[in-house]
Amino acid sequence: MKQENEKLYMAHRLETPQGIALSLRESAEKIGESAIEEMIDSLVDFKQNIFNFMNHFNLEIVDFKSDMGDKRFEKGGFTKRAVQDHPYKGVGGLRLVRDKLSKDFLFPDKDEPYLTLLYRKLEEETKELVEAMSRKERKEELGDVFEVFNTILSVKGISASLIENRRQNSELKMRREQKRKLVRKK
């Protein structure tokens, strides 16, 4: 309950509307808690929430897509599987990093601990996105969120087009239902 109140307080203090902030953070948390078919639904839900966020702030994918590619090229991205010993964050004292990589970083070869770290990283980046105050910060955080999101898809072997097609179908169903409700009211 305390955690929910904290989320509500943070959303209230920020420019991000409370409903969007809560939906984003809750959908990010669900991704790591599901079996594969439920995970796909959670990924679709998360991506839809990201698009709702983008629509609210009038952001387009082209606004940050090029920055995202540059960042992945410069820093290596999360696909490098670099983790840093960090006593206060992460799983077992580890957290994912992509900046300032050196020989002191560990590179896990098994998928499970790496996926757990990716789920946590997605939650962390989503929190930073919700807390971003300027357009520039939002663009940077959206790039980070999509980078982690796409890395999860890659590691799990899930097609990005599958997620996008399901998201579009879900959005279409929702719009049709809204139209039906409007027609019934008349």
Protein backbone atom coordinates (compact mmCIF):
# COMPACT_ATOMS: atom_id res chain seq x y z
CA MET A 1 0.00 0.00 0.00
CA LYS A 2 2.84 2.37 0.84
CA GLN A 3 4.36 1.71 -2.58
CA GLU A 4 1.04 2.55 -4.30
CA ASN A 5 0.78 5.81 -2.33
CA GLU A 6 4.36 6.66 -3.36
CA LYS A 7 3.47 6.06 -7.02
CA LEU A 8 0.38 8.27 -6.72
CA TYR A 9 2.38 11.02 -5.01
CA MET A 10 5.11 10.94 -7.65
CA ALA A 11 2.57 11.03 -10.50
CA HIS A 12 0.80 13.95 -8.85
CA ARG A 13 4.03 15.95 -8.50
CA LEU A 14 5.01 15.43 -12.10
CA GLU A 15 3.63 16.47 -15.44
CA THR A 16 2.72 12.90 -16.37
CA PRO A 17 -0.98 12.32 -15.67
CA GLN A 18 -1.61 9.94 -12.80
CA GLY A 19 -3.46 7.35 -14.87
CA ILE A 20 -0.72 7.13 -17.48
CA ALA A 21 2.00 6.97 -14.83
CA LEU A 22 0.30 4.15 -12.93
CA SER A 23 -0.54 2.19 -16.08
CA LEU A 24 3.04 2.42 -17.31
CA ARG A 25 4.63 1.37 -14.05
CA GLU A 26 2.15 -1.45 -13.40
CA SER A 27 2.49 -2.85 -16.92
CA ALA A 28 6.31 -2.76 -16.60
CA GLU A 29 6.08 -4.71 -13.34
CA LYS A 30 3.78 -7.37 -14.89
CA ILE A 31 6.22 -8.29 -17.67
CA GLY A 32 8.65 -10.19 -15.46
CA GLU A 33 5.92 -12.00 -13.54
CA SER A 34 4.33 -13.95 -16.39
CA ALA A 35 4.54 -17.15 -18.38
CA ILE A 36 5.33 -16.69 -22.09
CA GLU A 37 1.77 -16.17 -23.46
CA GLU A 38 0.85 -13.87 -20.58
CA MET A 39 4.20 -12.15 -21.07
CA ILE A 40 3.32 -11.39 -24.69
CA ASP A 41 0.05 -9.83 -23.51
CA SER A 42 1.97 -7.85 -20.88
CA LEU A 43 4.47 -6.65 -23.49
CA VAL A 44 1.61 -5.56 -25.76
CA ASP A 45 -0.05 -3.76 -22.85
CA PHE A 46 3.22 -2.05 -21.92
CA LYS A 47 3.85 -0.89 -25.49
CA GLN A 48 0.31 0.49 -25.70
CA ASN A 49 0.89 2.41 -22.48
CA ILE A 50 4.11 3.81 -23.96
CA PHE A 51 2.16 4.96 -27.03
CA ASN A 52 -0.47 6.57 -24.76
CA PHE A 53 2.35 8.42 -23.00
CA MET A 54 3.81 9.52 -26.34
CA ASN A 55 0.40 10.72 -27.56
CA HIS A 56 -0.16 12.72 -24.39
CA PHE A 57 3.14 14.57 -24.80
CA ASN A 58 2.89 14.79 -28.63
CA LEU A 59 5.98 12.66 -29.16
CA GLU A 60 6.57 10.59 -32.27
CA ILE A 61 8.80 7.55 -32.60
CA VAL A 62 10.94 9.47 -35.08
CA ASP A 63 11.66 12.02 -32.31
CA PHE A 64 13.88 9.57 -30.47
CA LYS A 65 14.49 6.62 -32.79
CA SER A 66 17.68 8.09 -34.27
CA ASP A 67 19.00 8.99 -30.79
CA MET A 68 18.32 5.44 -29.66
CA GLY A 69 20.38 3.97 -32.50
CA ASP A 70 23.28 6.34 -31.82
CA LYS A 71 23.24 5.50 -28.12
CA ARG A 72 23.25 1.76 -28.77
CA PHE A 73 26.14 2.14 -31.21
CA GLU A 74 28.20 4.34 -28.87
CA LYS A 75 27.59 2.50 -25.62
CA GLY A 76 27.02 -1.06 -26.75
CA GLY A 77 23.49 -1.24 -25.38
CA PHE A 78 22.09 -3.70 -22.89
CA THR A 79 22.65 -6.59 -25.30
CA LYS A 80 26.27 -6.61 -24.08
CA ARG A 81 24.97 -8.14 -20.83
CA ALA A 82 27.30 -6.06 -18.69
CA VAL A 83 26.45 -5.98 -15.01
CA GLN A 84 27.99 -4.00 -12.23
CA ASP A 85 28.28 -4.89 -8.55
CA HIS A 86 25.88 -2.52 -6.84
CA PRO A 87 24.91 -3.18 -3.20
CA TYR A 88 21.64 -1.21 -3.21
CA LYS A 89 20.13 -2.06 -6.58
CA GLY A 90 19.52 -5.04 -8.73
CA VAL A 91 19.36 -8.76 -8.26
CA GLY A 92 21.91 -10.26 -5.92
CA GLY A 93 23.71 -6.93 -5.76
CA LEU A 94 24.00 -6.63 -9.56
CA ARG A 95 22.45 -4.18 -12.01
CA LEU A 96 22.63 -3.80 -15.78
CA VAL A 97 24.88 -1.09 -17.18
CA ARG A 98 25.87 0.05 -20.65
CA ASP A 99 27.99 3.11 -19.90
CA LYS A 100 31.70 3.18 -19.14
CA LEU A 101 32.21 -0.55 -19.63
CA SER A 102 35.51 -1.92 -18.38
CA LYS A 103 37.06 -5.28 -17.52
CA ASP A 104 35.62 -4.99 -13.99
CA PHE A 105 32.12 -5.72 -15.26
CA LEU A 106 30.60 -9.19 -15.28
CA PHE A 107 28.95 -10.68 -18.32
CA PRO A 108 26.40 -13.36 -17.33
CA ASP A 109 26.04 -16.11 -19.90
CA LYS A 110 22.75 -17.56 -18.68
CA ASP A 111 19.45 -15.99 -19.72
CA GLU A 112 17.47 -16.21 -16.45
CA PRO A 113 19.51 -13.86 -14.22
CA TYR A 114 20.00 -11.59 -17.21
CA LEU A 115 16.25 -11.48 -17.90
CA THR A 116 15.53 -10.67 -14.26
CA LEU A 117 17.98 -7.80 -14.51
CA LEU A 118 16.33 -6.64 -17.75
CA TYR A 119 12.88 -6.66 -16.10
CA ARG A 120 14.23 -4.57 -13.23
CA LYS A 121 15.97 -2.25 -15.68
CA LEU A 122 12.69 -1.78 -17.58
CA GLU A 123 10.96 -0.83 -14.32
CA GLU A 124 13.80 1.59 -13.49
CA GLU A 125 13.74 3.22 -16.95
CA THR A 126 9.93 3.45 -16.86
CA LYS A 127 10.13 5.24 -13.51
CA GLU A 128 12.67 7.67 -14.99
CA LEU A 129 10.39 8.23 -18.01
CA VAL A 130 7.42 9.06 -15.80
CA GLU A 131 9.57 11.45 -13.77
CA ALA A 132 11.08 13.22 -16.82
CA MET A 133 10.17 16.88 -16.78
CA SER A 134 11.27 18.21 -20.18
CA ARG A 135 10.67 17.11 -23.76
CA LYS A 136 14.40 16.37 -24.15
CA GLU A 137 14.43 14.16 -21.03
CA ARG A 138 11.32 12.32 -22.21
CA LYS A 139 12.90 11.61 -25.59
CA GLU A 140 16.05 10.26 -23.92
CA GLU A 141 14.09 8.11 -21.49
CA LEU A 142 11.79 6.79 -24.23
CA GLY A 143 14.90 5.70 -26.13
CA ASP A 144 16.16 3.90 -23.01
CA VAL A 145 12.78 2.24 -22.40
CA PHE A 146 12.56 1.02 -25.99
CA GLU A 147 16.14 -0.22 -25.89
CA VAL A 148 15.44 -2.38 -22.83
CA PHE A 149 12.06 -3.44 -24.24
CA ASN A 150 13.62 -4.55 -27.53
CA THR A 151 16.42 -6.36 -25.71
CA ILE A 152 13.81 -8.34 -23.72
CA LEU A 153 12.08 -9.26 -26.98
CA SER A 154 15.38 -10.37 -28.47
CA VAL A 155 16.43 -12.50 -25.49
CA LYS A 156 13.00 -14.14 -25.25
CA GLY A 157 12.90 -14.71 -29.03
CA ILE A 158 9.69 -12.72 -29.42
CA SER A 159 9.14 -10.90 -32.69
CA ALA A 160 8.76 -7.13 -32.42
CA SER A 161 6.24 -7.27 -35.27
CA LEU A 162 4.10 -9.78 -33.30
CA ILE A 163 3.92 -7.34 -30.39
CA GLU A 164 3.17 -4.38 -32.67
CA ASN A 165 0.47 -6.28 -34.61
CA ARG A 166 -1.24 -7.34 -31.38
CA ARG A 167 -0.99 -3.79 -30.03
CA GLN A 168 -2.58 -2.37 -33.18
CA ASN A 169 -5.35 -5.00 -33.11
CA SER A 170 -6.03 -4.25 -29.46
CA GLU A 171 -6.16 -0.52 -30.17
CA LEU A 172 -8.53 -1.13 -33.09
CA LYS A 173 -10.88 -3.21 -30.91
CA MET A 174 -10.87 -0.50 -28.26
CA ARG A 175 -11.75 2.20 -30.83
CA ARG A 176 -14.56 0.07 -32.27
CA GLU A 177 -15.97 -0.48 -28.79
CA GLN A 178 -15.85 3.26 -28.10
CA LYS A 179 -17.74 3.93 -31.36
CA ARG A 180 -20.38 1.33 -30.43
CA LYS A 181 -20.88 3.00 -27.07
CA LEU A 182 -21.31 6.38 -28.75
CA VAL A 183 -23.87 4.96 -31.19
CA ARG A 184 -25.82 3.32 -28.32
CA LYS A 185 -25.99 6.62 -26.42
CA LYS A 186 -27.60 8.34 -29.44
